[in-house]
């Protein structure tokens, strides 16, 4: 059972099923298509899938710190320079308390720093400078990738896989990031993994042991206020951060992460209740583990461990299921949107649909209702993909269910528009477009929210925790250096808002509209 299903059942052992994969097919498809891609991970931010991941030997990674020494406990590594730079600051300065200065990235840095454990041999006194650490992987790093915006400290479902499923802790505190990182490392290290990959405004690694398979290259001291090197930088820093992130919308780049799609484990493969309990607060299609029982969660967690232990050596073949979804999206996305939203000519609609379907029709064979052609169309992109694991089989079912929906709808449209080929009418066009819009509402492909064009001094902006506004989630838009932070405070997308820090103040009701709320 998927969304809306009853959580009560009399099953003994919870197992994945083809029926669940088919029922959740659209979500599974989007999970695969968006994996390690910042654009889709931001829009489908409640990730419900886990994959084995490998960062290859030689990859350069970054760590921002208030200390020049490497961490001695579980800590974070960034894939991008700008992401590491953001944390390369002194940590003892409290965050601002006014709405106009309460930058979400500054608040994020403060919250993480507040939980930072002390390091042996270092001073707890305020540091005058931050440091950007550079590391090189000396061996392939084996990690667990959690999809969606899994590094987002929200109550919206971004932490469900970590807290509910992996940690078994439904009451975990949002800001206990070091505790969360350490408990996850305690879990995955015995499985043979070295950490996790998560996503916020950038991809990050939770590295369990910085002395394991890592070469410490440098700790470059950062300039502080008044130092040379900051001239003009603070004016453009936020925009430049977003520019660097936008370059990872469609992939991490340079083969820096290889996902084992044949290792995918997801609650969406199981007959569990994934209903979002608060559909009015966010998009109701964004699913949650809130209603999944503890027993069910333990069964799925056991499956994650089983798959990881079986495939952690990386010797088994993996099917590139993301490549399969790419082929399907490339084939259909622009055409489906075009004919559903912009085409106003029945003749053009007929031509596009015939172009999509003719290759699956053998006109020398009688095929009543085009059942044979629909089957050919639906299996076209999955029939040659090898199925080697149970996960492969479930993924194949899910992708096949999506292509079945696409092909069946297109043949329904074909029937409508060809039956009225001689007597074209507005009603015919409207009926066909209605079928296509209904299909698109189920597919919910993230490609359709991309900006059509931005100039070189703009980026297409979508909310990425901890930054962003509600309007940009509904309709991502082009932003420049002066507009990049529009709506981040007064129309913030992510919940909850950051609590204020500093001296306690009585709640006299004097907070201005849009000021961050206390937790």
Protein backbone atom coordinates (compact mmCIF):
# COMPACT_ATOMS: atom_id res chain seq x y z
CA UNK A 1 0.00 0.00 0.00
CA UNK A 2 1.24 3.51 -0.74
CA UNK A 3 -0.10 6.90 0.24
CA UNK A 4 -3.48 6.65 1.88
CA UNK A 5 -3.13 2.99 2.80
CA UNK A 6 -3.98 1.73 6.24
CA UNK A 7 -1.02 1.27 8.57
CA UNK A 8 -2.65 -1.68 10.34
CA UNK A 9 -2.12 -5.12 8.84
CA UNK A 10 -1.72 -8.66 10.03
CA UNK A 11 1.38 -9.49 7.99
CA UNK A 12 4.12 -11.46 9.68
CA UNK A 13 7.25 -10.62 7.72
CA UNK A 14 7.33 -7.43 5.71
CA UNK A 15 8.72 -8.00 2.23
CA UNK A 16 8.98 -5.84 -0.89
CA UNK A 17 6.42 -6.46 -3.60
CA UNK A 18 5.82 -5.80 -7.28
CA UNK A 19 2.44 -4.33 -6.37
CA UNK A 20 4.06 -1.69 -4.14
CA UNK A 21 6.69 -0.89 -6.77
CA UNK A 22 3.94 -0.42 -9.34
CA UNK A 23 1.77 1.66 -7.00
CA UNK A 24 4.69 3.94 -6.13
CA UNK A 25 6.14 3.85 -9.63
CA UNK A 26 6.07 7.59 -10.34
CA UNK A 27 7.87 8.36 -7.06
CA UNK A 28 10.45 5.59 -7.57
CA UNK A 29 11.14 6.82 -11.11
CA UNK A 30 11.72 10.38 -9.85
CA UNK A 31 13.91 9.15 -6.99
CA UNK A 32 16.20 7.41 -9.48
CA UNK A 33 16.18 10.26 -11.98
CA UNK A 34 17.02 12.85 -9.28
CA UNK A 35 19.68 10.85 -7.40
CA UNK A 36 22.88 12.93 -6.89
CA UNK A 37 21.29 15.77 -8.86
CA UNK A 38 20.70 18.94 -6.92
CA UNK A 39 17.72 20.16 -8.96
CA UNK A 40 15.47 17.14 -8.50
CA UNK A 41 16.74 16.56 -4.95
CA UNK A 42 15.54 20.05 -4.02
CA UNK A 43 12.05 19.61 -5.47
CA UNK A 44 11.64 15.99 -4.29
CA UNK A 45 13.21 16.83 -0.96
CA UNK A 46 11.67 14.07 1.17
CA UNK A 47 14.00 11.34 -0.02
CA UNK A 48 12.96 7.77 0.78
CA UNK A 49 15.74 5.77 -0.87
CA UNK A 50 19.20 4.54 0.06
CA UNK A 51 21.98 3.59 -2.39
CA UNK A 52 25.54 2.40 -2.09
CA UNK A 53 27.90 5.09 -3.39
CA UNK A 54 31.60 5.24 -4.21
CA UNK A 55 33.81 8.31 -4.29
CA UNK A 56 36.85 7.36 -6.40
CA UNK A 57 40.47 7.57 -5.33
CA UNK A 58 42.01 10.96 -6.06
CA UNK A 59 38.84 13.00 -5.47
CA UNK A 60 39.55 16.38 -3.81
CA UNK A 61 37.22 17.24 -0.93
CA UNK A 62 36.89 20.30 1.30
CA UNK A 63 36.25 20.93 4.99
CA UNK A 64 35.57 24.28 6.63
CA UNK A 65 36.69 24.67 10.23
CA UNK A 66 37.65 27.11 12.96
CA UNK A 67 40.73 24.94 13.60
CA UNK A 68 43.75 24.12 11.43
CA UNK A 69 43.84 20.51 12.68
CA UNK A 70 41.83 17.71 11.04
CA UNK A 71 38.70 16.56 12.89
CA UNK A 72 39.09 13.68 15.32
CA UNK A 73 35.41 12.69 15.29
CA UNK A 74 32.77 12.26 12.60
CA UNK A 75 32.55 15.47 10.58
CA UNK A 76 31.66 16.92 7.19
CA UNK A 77 33.34 17.12 3.82
CA UNK A 78 32.10 19.21 0.90
CA UNK A 79 32.46 18.45 -2.80
CA UNK A 80 32.57 22.14 -3.75
CA UNK A 81 35.01 24.86 -2.70
CA UNK A 82 32.24 27.37 -1.90
CA UNK A 83 30.43 24.86 0.30
CA UNK A 84 33.59 24.24 2.33
CA UNK A 85 34.40 27.95 2.47
CA UNK A 86 31.08 28.70 4.11
CA UNK A 87 32.12 26.78 7.24
CA UNK A 88 35.73 28.03 7.19
CA UNK A 89 35.02 30.70 9.78
CA UNK A 90 35.58 31.44 13.44
CA UNK A 91 32.65 29.96 15.34
CA UNK A 92 32.30 31.97 18.55
CA UNK A 93 30.39 34.93 17.13
CA UNK A 94 26.63 34.63 17.80
CA UNK A 95 24.28 34.99 14.86
CA UNK A 96 22.43 38.26 14.25
CA UNK A 97 19.01 38.66 15.78
CA UNK A 98 17.33 40.94 13.29
CA UNK A 99 15.25 39.69 10.41
CA UNK A 100 17.19 41.63 7.82
CA UNK A 101 20.49 40.07 8.96
CA UNK A 102 19.30 36.55 9.83
CA UNK A 103 20.92 34.92 6.83
CA UNK A 104 19.88 31.24 6.76
CA UNK A 105 23.38 30.07 5.82
CA UNK A 106 24.85 32.00 8.76
CA UNK A 107 22.26 30.49 11.08
CA UNK A 108 23.05 27.02 9.69
CA UNK A 109 26.76 27.50 10.33
CA UNK A 110 26.08 28.67 13.89
CA UNK A 111 23.81 25.75 14.75
CA UNK A 112 26.30 23.19 13.49
CA UNK A 113 29.19 24.94 15.28
CA UNK A 114 27.28 25.02 18.57
CA UNK A 115 27.21 21.21 18.57
CA UNK A 116 30.84 20.78 17.55
CA UNK A 117 32.76 18.61 20.04
CA UNK A 118 36.04 19.93 21.42
CA UNK A 119 39.22 18.69 19.78
CA UNK A 120 42.15 17.40 21.82
CA UNK A 121 45.00 19.89 21.89
CA UNK A 122 42.92 22.83 20.68
CA UNK A 123 41.72 25.88 22.53
CA UNK A 124 38.08 26.54 23.29
CA UNK A 125 38.77 30.27 23.11
CA UNK A 126 37.40 32.23 20.15
CA UNK A 127 39.44 31.64 17.02
CA UNK A 128 40.57 34.65 15.05
CA UNK A 129 40.36 32.93 11.69
CA UNK A 130 38.72 30.05 9.92
CA UNK A 131 40.47 27.43 7.83
CA UNK A 132 39.67 25.72 4.55
CA UNK A 133 40.97 22.15 4.66
CA UNK A 134 41.78 20.25 1.49
CA UNK A 135 41.78 16.45 1.41
CA UNK A 136 42.40 13.83 -1.24
CA UNK A 137 40.84 10.37 -1.18
CA UNK A 138 43.71 7.86 -1.21
CA UNK A 139 41.36 4.91 -1.76
CA UNK A 140 37.78 4.62 -3.03
CA UNK A 141 35.38 5.76 -0.31
CA UNK A 142 32.40 3.46 0.21
CA UNK A 143 29.40 5.43 1.45
CA UNK A 144 25.63 5.25 1.92
CA UNK A 145 23.78 7.85 -0.15
CA UNK A 146 20.42 9.06 1.16
CA UNK A 147 18.44 10.86 -1.53
CA UNK A 148 16.35 14.02 -1.34
CA UNK A 149 17.38 17.01 0.78
CA UNK A 150 18.64 14.62 3.46
CA UNK A 151 20.90 17.14 5.23
CA UNK A 152 18.01 19.53 5.80
CA UNK A 153 17.17 20.15 9.46
CA UNK A 154 13.44 20.39 8.88
CA UNK A 155 10.26 18.87 10.31
CA UNK A 156 8.97 18.35 6.76
CA UNK A 157 10.28 14.80 6.26
CA UNK A 158 13.85 15.42 5.09
CA UNK A 159 15.26 13.53 8.09
CA UNK A 160 12.78 10.63 8.09
CA UNK A 161 15.13 8.05 6.59
CA UNK A 162 17.87 8.94 9.06
CA UNK A 163 15.92 9.39 12.27
CA UNK A 164 12.90 7.13 11.83
CA UNK A 165 14.41 4.30 9.80
CA UNK A 166 18.17 4.15 10.38
CA UNK A 167 18.39 5.53 13.93
CA UNK A 168 15.00 4.30 15.12
CA UNK A 169 14.48 7.61 16.89
CA UNK A 170 11.18 9.36 16.20
CA UNK A 171 11.85 12.06 18.80
CA UNK A 172 15.31 13.10 17.58
CA UNK A 173 16.04 16.80 18.00
CA UNK A 174 16.41 18.62 14.69
CA UNK A 175 19.68 20.35 15.50
CA UNK A 176 21.59 17.40 17.01
CA UNK A 177 23.75 17.15 13.91
CA UNK A 178 26.91 15.85 15.57
CA UNK A 179 24.90 13.30 17.54
CA UNK A 180 23.09 12.30 14.35
CA UNK A 181 26.35 11.99 12.41
CA UNK A 182 28.01 9.91 15.12
CA UNK A 183 25.07 7.55 15.56
CA UNK A 184 24.86 7.03 11.80
CA UNK A 185 28.59 6.31 11.69
CA UNK A 186 28.21 3.83 14.56
CA UNK A 187 25.57 2.13 12.42
CA UNK A 188 27.25 2.00 9.00
CA UNK A 189 30.90 1.47 9.97
CA UNK A 190 30.32 -2.19 10.94
CA UNK A 191 28.66 -2.62 7.54
CA UNK A 192 31.99 -1.76 5.92
CA UNK A 193 31.14 1.85 5.02
CA UNK A 194 33.13 5.01 5.74
CA UNK A 195 30.24 7.42 6.00
CA UNK A 196 27.23 8.85 4.18
CA UNK A 197 26.43 11.26 1.39
CA UNK A 198 23.66 13.75 2.07
CA UNK A 199 22.29 16.84 0.34
CA UNK A 200 21.56 20.40 1.46
CA UNK A 201 22.61 23.51 -0.46
CA UNK A 202 25.32 21.28 -1.90
CA UNK A 203 26.34 17.65 -1.58
CA UNK A 204 28.25 16.65 1.55
CA UNK A 205 29.92 13.59 3.02
CA UNK A 206 29.54 12.65 6.67
CA UNK A 207 33.02 11.13 7.09
CA UNK A 208 33.30 8.86 10.09
CA UNK A 209 37.10 8.84 10.38
CA UNK A 210 39.22 11.52 8.70
CA UNK A 211 42.34 9.35 9.08
CA UNK A 212 40.82 6.57 6.98
CA UNK A 213 41.71 6.68 3.26
CA UNK A 214 42.23 10.45 3.32
CA UNK A 215 45.34 12.54 2.70
CA UNK A 216 45.36 15.90 4.48
CA UNK A 217 46.69 18.35 1.88
CA UNK A 218 46.38 21.77 3.50
CA UNK A 219 44.59 24.00 5.96
CA UNK A 220 44.48 27.44 4.36
CA UNK A 221 43.75 30.28 6.75
CA UNK A 222 40.83 32.45 5.64
CA UNK A 223 40.73 36.25 5.65
CA UNK A 224 38.47 37.90 8.19
CA UNK A 225 36.78 41.29 8.23
CA UNK A 226 39.30 44.00 7.43
CA UNK A 227 41.82 41.59 5.87
CA UNK A 228 42.95 41.83 2.28
CA UNK A 229 41.17 39.25 0.14
CA UNK A 230 37.62 40.19 1.04
CA UNK A 231 37.35 43.29 -1.12
CA UNK A 232 33.93 43.06 -2.79
CA UNK A 233 33.63 39.37 -1.97
CA UNK A 234 30.96 39.69 0.70
CA UNK A 235 28.82 41.65 -1.77
CA UNK A 236 28.69 38.74 -4.19
CA UNK A 237 29.26 35.77 -1.88
CA UNK A 238 25.66 34.59 -1.70
CA UNK A 239 25.12 34.84 -5.44
CA UNK A 240 28.42 33.08 -6.17
CA UNK A 241 27.41 30.28 -3.80
CA UNK A 242 24.17 29.83 -5.72
CA UNK A 243 26.03 29.99 -9.04
CA UNK A 244 28.28 27.12 -7.98
CA UNK A 245 25.28 25.11 -6.78
CA UNK A 246 23.42 25.64 -10.05
CA UNK A 247 26.28 23.94 -11.85
CA UNK A 248 25.41 20.73 -9.95
CA UNK A 249 21.70 20.77 -10.72
CA UNK A 250 22.08 17.89 -13.15
CA UNK A 251 24.93 15.96 -11.58
CA UNK A 252 27.95 16.14 -9.30
CA UNK A 253 30.32 16.21 -12.28
CA UNK A 254 33.67 14.59 -13.11
CA UNK A 255 32.45 11.14 -12.05
CA UNK A 256 33.10 12.09 -8.42
CA UNK A 257 30.31 9.79 -7.19
CA UNK A 258 29.26 6.45 -8.65
CA UNK A 259 25.89 5.19 -7.45
CA UNK A 260 25.07 1.49 -7.35
CA UNK A 261 21.47 1.66 -8.53
CA UNK A 262 21.14 -2.11 -8.20
CA UNK A 263 21.56 -1.60 -4.43
CA UNK A 264 18.56 0.74 -4.09
CA UNK A 265 16.39 0.05 -1.03
CA UNK A 266 13.29 2.13 -0.41
CA UNK A 267 10.13 1.99 1.73
CA UNK A 268 8.37 2.59 -1.59
CA UNK A 269 9.07 -1.06 -2.46
CA UNK A 270 6.98 -2.15 0.54
CA UNK A 271 3.24 -2.21 1.41
CA UNK A 272 3.49 0.56 4.01
CA UNK A 273 1.63 3.81 4.61
CA UNK A 274 3.66 6.73 3.22
CA UNK A 275 0.92 9.35 3.58
CA UNK A 276 2.06 12.89 4.34
CA UNK A 277 0.22 13.72 7.59
CA UNK A 278 0.19 17.45 6.92
CA UNK A 279 -0.64 17.94 3.23
CA UNK A 280 -1.65 21.57 3.79
CA UNK A 281 1.83 22.46 5.01
CA UNK A 282 3.67 21.34 1.91
CA UNK A 283 3.15 19.47 -1.34
CA UNK A 284 0.97 16.44 -0.46
CA UNK A 285 2.91 14.25 -2.91
CA UNK A 286 6.02 14.59 -0.72
CA UNK A 287 5.86 11.42 1.31
CA UNK A 288 6.70 10.66 4.93
CA UNK A 289 7.56 7.72 7.17
CA UNK A 290 5.42 9.11 9.99
CA UNK A 291 2.76 6.40 9.73
CA UNK A 292 5.10 3.49 9.08
CA UNK A 293 5.22 1.28 12.18
CA UNK A 294 8.40 0.64 14.15
CA UNK A 295 8.27 -3.03 13.18
CA UNK A 296 8.03 -2.12 9.50
CA UNK A 297 10.88 0.36 9.81
CA UNK A 298 13.10 -2.25 11.44
CA UNK A 299 12.37 -4.71 8.61
CA UNK A 300 13.31 -2.16 5.94
CA UNK A 301 16.44 -1.14 7.86
CA UNK A 302 17.47 -4.80 8.03
CA UNK A 303 17.13 -4.97 4.26
CA UNK A 304 19.36 -1.89 3.85
CA UNK A 305 22.03 -3.59 5.96
CA UNK A 306 21.64 -6.88 4.09
CA UNK A 307 22.09 -5.22 0.69
CA UNK A 308 25.03 -3.10 1.84
CA UNK A 309 26.89 -6.05 3.33
CA UNK A 310 26.25 -8.09 0.19
CA UNK A 311 27.48 -5.41 -2.25
CA UNK A 312 29.95 -3.29 -0.25
CA UNK A 313 32.96 -4.80 -1.98
CA UNK A 314 31.77 -3.26 -5.26
CA UNK A 315 32.45 -6.42 -7.26
CA UNK A 316 28.88 -7.00 -8.41
CA UNK A 317 27.52 -5.41 -11.57
CA UNK A 318 25.15 -2.48 -11.29
CA UNK A 319 22.47 -1.51 -13.80
CA UNK A 320 22.48 2.17 -14.82
CA UNK A 321 18.81 2.73 -14.08
CA UNK A 322 19.32 6.48 -13.99
CA UNK A 323 20.49 6.27 -17.59
CA UNK A 324 17.24 4.48 -18.42
CA UNK A 325 15.16 7.23 -16.80
CA UNK A 326 17.24 9.82 -18.67
CA UNK A 327 16.40 8.19 -21.97
CA UNK A 328 12.69 8.23 -21.13
CA UNK A 329 12.68 11.84 -19.91
CA UNK A 330 14.69 12.96 -22.93
CA UNK A 331 12.25 11.22 -25.25
CA UNK A 332 9.02 12.42 -23.72
CA UNK A 333 9.40 15.39 -21.35
CA UNK A 334 9.46 18.35 -23.73
CA UNK A 335 6.93 16.77 -26.10
CA UNK A 336 4.45 15.90 -23.33
CA UNK A 337 4.63 19.40 -21.90
CA UNK A 338 4.39 21.01 -25.31
CA UNK A 339 1.29 19.11 -26.46
CA UNK A 340 -0.43 19.48 -23.07
CA UNK A 341 0.27 23.17 -22.51
CA UNK A 342 1.15 25.03 -25.71
CA UNK A 343 -0.04 23.25 -28.86
CA UNK A 344 -3.30 24.75 -30.15
CA UNK A 345 -3.50 22.92 -33.48
CA UNK A 346 -5.08 19.49 -33.81
CA UNK A 347 -2.93 18.86 -36.88
CA UNK A 348 0.28 19.54 -34.92
CA UNK A 349 -0.92 17.38 -32.04
CA UNK A 350 -1.63 14.53 -34.44
CA UNK A 351 1.86 14.86 -35.92
CA UNK A 352 3.64 14.84 -32.54
CA UNK A 353 1.67 11.86 -31.25
CA UNK A 354 2.14 9.88 -34.46
CA UNK A 355 5.86 10.65 -34.32
CA UNK A 356 6.06 9.25 -30.79
CA UNK A 357 4.02 6.11 -31.46
CA UNK A 358 4.61 5.00 -35.05
CA UNK A 359 7.88 3.24 -34.26
CA UNK A 360 5.97 0.85 -31.96
CA UNK A 361 3.28 -0.04 -34.52
CA UNK A 362 3.63 -2.74 -37.13
CA UNK A 363 1.04 -1.68 -39.70
CA UNK A 364 1.19 -5.09 -41.40
CA UNK A 365 -0.28 -6.77 -38.30
CA UNK A 366 -3.85 -6.58 -37.05
CA UNK A 367 -3.64 -5.12 -33.55
CA UNK A 368 -7.08 -4.37 -32.16
CA UNK A 369 -6.94 -1.61 -29.60
CA UNK A 370 -3.19 -1.33 -30.23
CA UNK A 371 -2.57 -3.61 -27.25
CA UNK A 372 0.54 -5.09 -28.86
CA UNK A 373 1.87 -1.65 -29.75
CA UNK A 374 1.25 -0.34 -26.23
CA UNK A 375 3.21 -3.28 -24.80
CA UNK A 376 6.06 -2.66 -27.24
CA UNK A 377 6.10 1.01 -26.35
CA UNK A 378 5.99 0.41 -22.59
CA UNK A 379 8.83 -2.10 -22.47
CA UNK A 380 11.05 -0.38 -25.04
CA UNK A 381 13.51 1.18 -22.58
CA UNK A 382 13.54 -1.58 -19.96
CA UNK A 383 13.56 -4.78 -22.00
CA UNK A 384 17.33 -4.77 -22.58
CA UNK A 385 18.31 -3.80 -19.01
CA UNK A 386 19.70 -6.83 -17.13
CA UNK A 387 17.90 -7.71 -13.92
CA UNK A 388 20.45 -9.13 -11.49
CA UNK A 389 19.09 -8.26 -8.03
CA UNK A 390 15.71 -8.10 -6.35
CA UNK A 391 16.16 -4.34 -6.35
CA UNK A 392 16.68 -4.38 -10.13
CA UNK A 393 13.45 -6.31 -10.56
CA UNK A 394 11.44 -3.85 -8.47
CA UNK A 395 12.99 -0.87 -10.25
CA UNK A 396 12.18 -2.47 -13.60
CA UNK A 397 8.57 -2.93 -12.50
CA UNK A 398 8.36 0.71 -11.41
CA UNK A 399 9.91 2.15 -14.58
CA UNK A 400 7.79 -0.17 -16.71
CA UNK A 401 4.67 1.05 -14.89
CA UNK A 402 5.61 4.65 -15.70
CA UNK A 403 6.21 3.93 -19.39
CA UNK A 404 2.99 1.89 -19.49
CA UNK A 405 1.09 4.95 -18.25
CA UNK A 406 2.81 7.17 -20.82
CA UNK A 407 2.21 4.84 -23.75
CA UNK A 408 -1.39 3.96 -22.82
CA UNK A 409 -2.25 7.64 -22.48
CA UNK A 410 -0.65 8.53 -25.80
CA UNK A 411 -2.57 5.78 -27.58
CA UNK A 412 -5.78 7.02 -25.91
CA UNK A 413 -4.96 10.50 -27.21
CA UNK A 414 -4.25 9.07 -30.65
CA UNK A 415 -7.66 7.47 -30.74
CA UNK A 416 -9.36 10.73 -29.77
CA UNK A 417 -7.57 12.92 -32.29
CA UNK A 418 -7.71 10.45 -35.19
CA UNK A 419 -11.39 9.62 -34.71
CA UNK A 420 -12.08 13.30 -35.28
CA UNK A 421 -9.41 13.79 -37.94
CA UNK A 422 -11.85 14.98 -40.58
CA UNK A 423 -14.08 17.05 -38.35
CA UNK A 424 -11.57 18.76 -36.13
CA UNK A 425 -13.12 20.57 -33.19
CA UNK A 426 -12.11 22.54 -30.14
CA UNK A 427 -13.69 19.81 -28.01
CA UNK A 428 -11.41 17.19 -29.55
CA UNK A 429 -8.30 19.23 -28.84
CA UNK A 430 -9.46 19.98 -25.30
CA UNK A 431 -10.21 16.32 -24.59
CA UNK A 432 -6.78 15.22 -25.83
CA UNK A 433 -4.97 17.92 -23.86
CA UNK A 434 -6.95 16.95 -20.76
CA UNK A 435 -5.65 13.38 -20.97
CA UNK A 436 -2.08 14.64 -21.34
CA UNK A 437 -2.36 17.10 -18.44
CA UNK A 438 -3.64 14.32 -16.22
CA UNK A 439 -0.63 12.19 -17.17
CA UNK A 440 1.80 15.03 -16.51
CA UNK A 441 0.32 15.65 -13.06
CA UNK A 442 1.23 12.06 -12.17
CA UNK A 443 4.71 12.16 -13.70
CA UNK A 444 5.71 15.39 -11.91
CA UNK A 445 9.04 15.54 -13.72
CA UNK A 446 11.39 18.11 -12.21
CA UNK A 447 12.52 19.14 -15.70
CA UNK A 448 9.23 20.98 -16.14
CA UNK A 449 10.11 23.44 -13.36
CA UNK A 450 13.41 24.50 -14.87
CA UNK A 451 13.74 28.12 -15.97
CA UNK A 452 13.42 28.50 -19.71
CA UNK A 453 16.40 30.85 -19.90
CA UNK A 454 18.55 32.97 -17.59
CA UNK A 455 21.26 35.43 -18.60
CA UNK A 456 24.92 34.95 -17.70
CA UNK A 457 24.57 37.17 -14.63
CA UNK A 458 21.62 35.15 -13.30
CA UNK A 459 20.98 31.69 -11.91
CA UNK A 460 17.81 29.65 -11.99
CA UNK A 461 16.96 29.51 -8.30
CA UNK A 462 15.12 26.74 -6.46
CA UNK A 463 14.98 26.41 -2.64
CA UNK A 464 17.80 24.27 -1.24
CA UNK A 465 17.93 23.90 2.51
CA UNK A 466 18.49 26.18 4.36
CA UNK A 467 17.75 28.90 1.80
CA UNK A 468 14.77 29.73 -0.37
CA UNK A 469 11.26 31.08 -0.55
CA UNK A 470 7.87 29.46 -1.12
CA UNK A 471 7.28 31.20 -4.44
CA UNK A 472 10.51 29.80 -5.87
CA UNK A 473 9.53 26.25 -4.93
CA UNK A 474 6.28 26.63 -6.85
CA UNK A 475 7.97 28.40 -9.75
CA UNK A 476 11.80 28.53 -9.83
CA UNK A 477 12.99 31.79 -11.33
CA UNK A 478 16.05 33.70 -12.55
CA UNK A 479 17.89 35.65 -9.82
CA UNK A 480 20.87 38.00 -9.96
CA UNK A 481 23.26 39.32 -7.32
CA UNK A 482 20.72 41.87 -6.05
CA UNK A 483 17.65 39.61 -6.00
CA UNK A 484 19.17 36.29 -4.95
CA UNK A 485 17.91 36.48 -1.35
CA UNK A 486 14.43 37.77 -2.13
CA UNK A 487 11.83 36.15 0.14
CA UNK A 488 14.29 34.01 2.11
CA UNK A 489 13.19 35.53 5.42
CA UNK A 490 9.66 36.87 5.04
CA UNK A 491 8.45 34.08 2.74
CA UNK A 492 10.75 31.26 3.85
CA UNK A 493 10.01 27.81 2.39
CA UNK A 494 11.71 25.57 4.94
CA UNK A 495 10.18 24.76 8.31
CA UNK A 496 10.88 25.25 11.11
CA UNK A 497 12.57 28.59 11.03
CA UNK A 498 15.89 28.93 12.80
CA UNK A 499 15.59 29.82 16.50
CA UNK A 500 17.27 33.04 17.59
CA UNK A 501 20.34 32.92 19.82
CA UNK A 502 21.96 35.28 22.29
CA UNK A 503 20.48 36.73 25.49
CA UNK A 504 17.00 35.49 26.27
CA UNK A 505 14.32 38.09 25.66
CA UNK A 506 10.76 37.98 27.00
CA UNK A 507 8.12 37.20 24.43
CA UNK A 508 6.28 40.50 24.53
CA UNK A 509 4.68 40.02 21.15
CA UNK A 510 6.97 42.64 19.63
CA UNK A 511 8.55 40.45 16.95
CA UNK A 512 8.21 41.89 13.52
CA UNK A 513 6.43 40.01 10.78
CA UNK A 514 8.84 37.68 9.03
CA UNK A 515 11.29 37.52 11.95
CA UNK A 516 12.51 33.96 12.67
CA UNK A 517 10.44 32.21 15.31
CA UNK A 518 11.84 30.47 18.37
CA UNK A 519 11.51 26.70 18.38
